[in-house]
Amino acid sequence: MLRQLVVAGLPVLFATTALAASPSPMTSVPPVDTPRTLRPILSEAPTRWLDVGDRAPMFSYLASDGRWHRSEDLLGNGPILLIFGADPATLKGLEKLKPAFEALGVRPVVVLDVATRTAQNLADRLGVKVAMVSDPMCAIAGLYNSLDSRSGRHSTSYFVVDDKRTIRALFYGALPETPLLVGSCARALGRPLPPALLSTYGG
């Protein structure tokens, strides 16, 4: 009888040992919460260089109204021209040709590697009302392969993204003159040039 009790107790002993070695979620010590820094919320991580036909990476950003917005909100009224590394001259050019972009149904959106308040001050100083997205930690630029490896800041590039979130055109390098940006949008989306620009392209 004693022998049977000892043998029967062995599985219980093994089961208890295994439980101690590999505690279940019911017995595990809950993780300790650590403080988190507020930063852009990235929905996707870049795994390769982007190309025409790819889906544009999604992200969230802190706008001048103090609220977080999603990149999908930028596409609410149609295609966008997403620009990285724009200088004041480019911003002024975009503002000057705003009617041409409106005629195309394209909204220019400039991503700047500065804080939201700094971006707003820059817009006020230049007198421009172009849509701006603040990316002070360059996380959004990283999604779009638009980081300067030497400085860690934004490099110049642009992307034409349609309302289905498909990249229709892209360019890495020095930004062209604003009329050429309008032309790139028109060509990528299969839309005619606005009449005011036809003479520029010999139409």
Protein backbone atom coordinates (compact mmCIF):
# COMPACT_ATOMS: atom_id res chain seq x y z
CA MET A 1 0.00 0.00 0.00
CA LEU A 2 2.82 2.38 0.89
CA ARG A 3 4.55 1.57 -2.38
CA GLN A 4 1.41 2.45 -4.32
CA LEU A 5 1.15 5.84 -2.58
CA VAL A 6 4.77 6.67 -3.40
CA VAL A 7 4.37 5.75 -7.07
CA ALA A 8 1.09 7.64 -7.35
CA GLY A 9 2.70 10.74 -5.85
CA LEU A 10 5.50 10.92 -8.42
CA PRO A 11 3.35 12.51 -11.22
CA VAL A 12 2.17 15.16 -8.77
CA LEU A 13 5.79 15.93 -7.86
CA PHE A 14 6.80 16.22 -11.52
CA ALA A 15 3.84 18.42 -12.33
CA THR A 16 4.65 20.72 -9.39
CA THR A 17 8.29 20.97 -10.46
CA ALA A 18 7.34 21.82 -14.04
CA LEU A 19 4.94 24.51 -12.85
CA ALA A 20 7.64 26.12 -10.75
CA ALA A 21 10.12 26.08 -13.64
CA SER A 22 7.64 27.51 -16.17
CA PRO A 23 5.08 29.68 -14.36
CA SER A 24 1.82 30.34 -16.17
CA PRO A 25 0.40 33.82 -16.78
CA MET A 26 -1.77 33.24 -13.71
CA THR A 27 1.30 32.85 -11.51
CA SER A 28 3.70 35.28 -13.24
CA VAL A 29 4.69 38.59 -11.66
CA PRO A 30 2.96 41.41 -13.60
CA PRO A 31 5.34 43.71 -15.51
CA VAL A 32 6.15 47.10 -14.02
CA ASP A 33 4.89 50.06 -16.06
CA THR A 34 7.64 52.43 -17.17
CA PRO A 35 7.19 56.07 -18.23
CA ARG A 36 6.74 56.55 -21.99
CA THR A 37 7.80 59.50 -24.09
CA LEU A 38 5.21 61.05 -26.39
CA ARG A 39 6.35 60.56 -29.96
CA PRO A 40 4.94 59.95 -33.45
CA ILE A 41 2.95 56.72 -33.57
CA LEU A 42 4.22 54.63 -36.46
CA SER A 43 1.87 52.04 -37.95
CA GLU A 44 4.49 50.44 -40.16
CA ALA A 45 8.26 50.04 -40.22
CA PRO A 46 10.30 50.39 -43.43
CA THR A 47 11.68 47.08 -44.67
CA ARG A 48 12.96 48.23 -48.08
CA TRP A 49 13.11 51.24 -50.36
CA LEU A 50 9.72 52.46 -51.49
CA ASP A 51 8.72 52.33 -55.15
CA VAL A 52 5.86 53.41 -57.39
CA GLY A 53 2.83 51.22 -56.75
CA ASP A 54 3.67 50.61 -53.09
CA ARG A 55 1.28 51.49 -50.32
CA ALA A 56 2.37 54.69 -48.57
CA PRO A 57 3.42 54.03 -44.95
CA MET A 58 0.92 55.17 -42.34
CA PHE A 59 1.77 57.32 -39.33
CA SER A 60 0.24 59.61 -36.71
CA TYR A 61 1.40 63.14 -35.96
CA LEU A 62 0.82 65.92 -33.46
CA ALA A 63 -0.83 68.88 -35.21
CA SER A 64 -0.92 72.55 -34.29
CA ASP A 65 -4.33 72.03 -32.64
CA GLY A 66 -2.61 69.93 -29.97
CA ARG A 67 -4.26 66.71 -31.11
CA TRP A 68 -2.92 63.55 -32.72
CA HIS A 69 -4.02 62.96 -36.29
CA ARG A 70 -3.61 60.01 -38.65
CA SER A 71 -1.98 60.19 -42.06
CA GLU A 72 -5.22 58.91 -43.59
CA ASP A 73 -6.80 62.23 -42.58
CA LEU A 74 -4.47 64.00 -45.03
CA LEU A 75 -6.02 62.00 -47.88
CA GLY A 76 -9.57 62.92 -46.93
CA ASN A 77 -9.91 65.36 -49.84
CA GLY A 78 -7.95 63.46 -52.47
CA PRO A 79 -4.30 62.87 -53.45
CA ILE A 80 -1.42 64.58 -51.67
CA LEU A 81 2.09 65.67 -52.58
CA LEU A 82 4.19 64.68 -49.55
CA ILE A 83 7.43 66.67 -49.41
CA PHE A 84 10.49 66.21 -47.15
CA GLY A 85 13.36 68.68 -46.75
CA ALA A 86 11.56 71.75 -48.09
CA ASP A 87 13.32 75.09 -47.60
CA PRO A 88 11.62 78.51 -47.29
CA ALA A 89 11.86 79.07 -51.05
CA THR A 90 9.99 75.83 -51.70
CA LEU A 91 7.33 76.75 -49.15
CA LYS A 92 6.79 80.12 -50.84
CA GLY A 93 6.63 78.45 -54.26
CA LEU A 94 3.99 76.00 -53.04
CA GLU A 95 1.95 78.87 -51.65
CA LYS A 96 2.25 80.84 -54.90
CA LEU A 97 1.03 77.91 -57.00
CA LYS A 98 -1.66 76.84 -54.56
CA PRO A 99 -4.41 77.54 -57.18
CA ALA A 100 -2.67 75.18 -59.62
CA PHE A 101 -2.58 72.38 -57.06
CA GLU A 102 -6.23 73.01 -56.22
CA ALA A 103 -7.13 72.76 -59.91
CA LEU A 104 -5.40 69.37 -60.00
CA GLY A 105 -7.15 68.25 -56.84
CA VAL A 106 -3.80 67.69 -55.10
CA ARG A 107 -2.91 68.93 -51.62
CA PRO A 108 0.78 69.69 -50.91
CA VAL A 109 1.84 68.48 -47.45
CA VAL A 110 5.28 69.47 -46.14
CA VAL A 111 6.95 67.33 -43.45
CA LEU A 112 9.44 69.35 -41.38
CA ASP A 113 12.03 68.06 -38.91
CA VAL A 114 11.12 70.67 -36.29
CA ALA A 115 8.65 70.91 -33.41
CA THR A 116 5.02 71.81 -34.11
CA ARG A 117 5.34 75.30 -32.64
CA THR A 118 8.49 76.00 -34.66
CA ALA A 119 6.76 74.88 -37.87
CA GLN A 120 3.81 77.15 -37.15
CA ASN A 121 6.10 80.11 -36.45
CA LEU A 122 7.88 79.47 -39.75
CA ALA A 123 4.57 79.44 -41.63
CA ASP A 124 3.49 82.68 -39.98
CA ARG A 125 6.81 84.37 -40.74
CA LEU A 126 6.70 83.33 -44.42
CA GLY A 127 2.99 84.04 -44.76
CA VAL A 128 2.21 80.58 -46.11
CA LYS A 129 -0.74 78.33 -45.37
CA VAL A 130 0.62 75.10 -46.82
CA ALA A 131 -0.26 72.02 -44.76
CA MET A 132 2.66 71.10 -42.50
CA VAL A 133 3.43 67.97 -40.49
CA SER A 134 5.92 68.17 -37.64
CA ASP A 135 8.48 65.35 -37.44
CA PRO A 136 11.12 66.51 -34.90
CA MET A 137 12.43 63.00 -34.24
CA CYS A 138 12.52 62.19 -37.97
CA ALA A 139 10.45 59.06 -37.45
CA ILE A 140 8.13 59.78 -40.38
CA ALA A 141 11.09 60.52 -42.65
CA GLY A 142 12.51 57.15 -41.65
CA LEU A 143 9.37 55.43 -42.92
CA TYR A 144 9.83 57.13 -46.28
CA ASN A 145 13.60 56.51 -46.53
CA SER A 146 14.14 60.26 -46.40
CA LEU A 147 16.89 60.58 -43.80
CA ASP A 148 20.35 62.02 -44.37
CA SER A 149 22.76 59.38 -43.05
CA ARG A 150 25.33 62.00 -42.10
CA SER A 151 23.17 64.51 -40.27
CA GLY A 152 20.31 62.29 -39.19
CA ARG A 153 17.88 64.97 -40.42
CA HIS A 154 15.48 65.02 -43.36
CA SER A 155 16.81 64.60 -46.87
CA THR A 156 14.94 66.08 -49.83
CA SER A 157 12.32 63.93 -51.52
CA TYR A 158 8.69 63.95 -52.59
CA PHE A 159 5.88 61.42 -53.04
CA VAL A 160 2.62 61.67 -54.96
CA VAL A 161 0.10 59.57 -53.04
CA ASP A 162 -3.43 58.96 -54.35
CA ASP A 163 -6.57 58.66 -52.24
CA LYS A 164 -6.15 54.85 -52.13
CA ARG A 165 -2.80 55.36 -50.36
CA THR A 166 -0.87 54.18 -53.41
CA ILE A 167 2.40 55.90 -54.30
CA ARG A 168 2.00 57.14 -57.88
CA ALA A 169 5.34 58.97 -58.16
CA LEU A 170 8.40 59.59 -56.02
CA PHE A 171 11.75 61.31 -56.23
CA TYR A 172 14.86 61.35 -54.00
CA GLY A 173 17.19 64.28 -54.45
CA ALA A 174 17.12 68.06 -54.78
CA LEU A 175 13.56 69.30 -55.02
CA PRO A 176 12.65 70.69 -58.47
CA GLU A 177 11.02 74.05 -59.08
CA THR A 178 7.40 74.24 -57.99
CA PRO A 179 5.95 74.22 -61.56
CA LEU A 180 7.75 70.93 -62.14
CA LEU A 181 6.16 69.54 -58.96
CA VAL A 182 2.75 70.45 -60.36
CA GLY A 183 3.68 68.71 -63.61
CA SER A 184 4.86 65.60 -61.77
CA CYS A 185 1.54 65.37 -59.93
CA ALA A 186 -0.45 65.79 -63.16
CA ARG A 187 1.57 63.16 -65.00
CA ALA A 188 1.45 60.65 -62.11
CA LEU A 189 -2.32 60.98 -61.71
CA GLY A 190 -3.12 61.15 -65.43
CA ARG A 191 -4.65 64.60 -65.15
CA PRO A 192 -4.24 67.60 -67.49
CA LEU A 193 -2.04 70.48 -66.50
CA PRO A 194 -3.80 73.57 -65.18
CA PRO A 195 -4.14 76.20 -67.94
CA ALA A 196 -1.81 78.60 -66.13
CA LEU A 197 1.04 76.11 -66.47
CA LEU A 198 0.50 74.93 -70.03
CA SER A 199 2.83 77.57 -71.46
CA THR A 200 5.60 76.43 -69.08
CA TYR A 201 5.53 72.98 -70.65
CA GLY A 202 5.03 74.09 -74.22
CA GLY A 203 1.39 73.04 -74.36
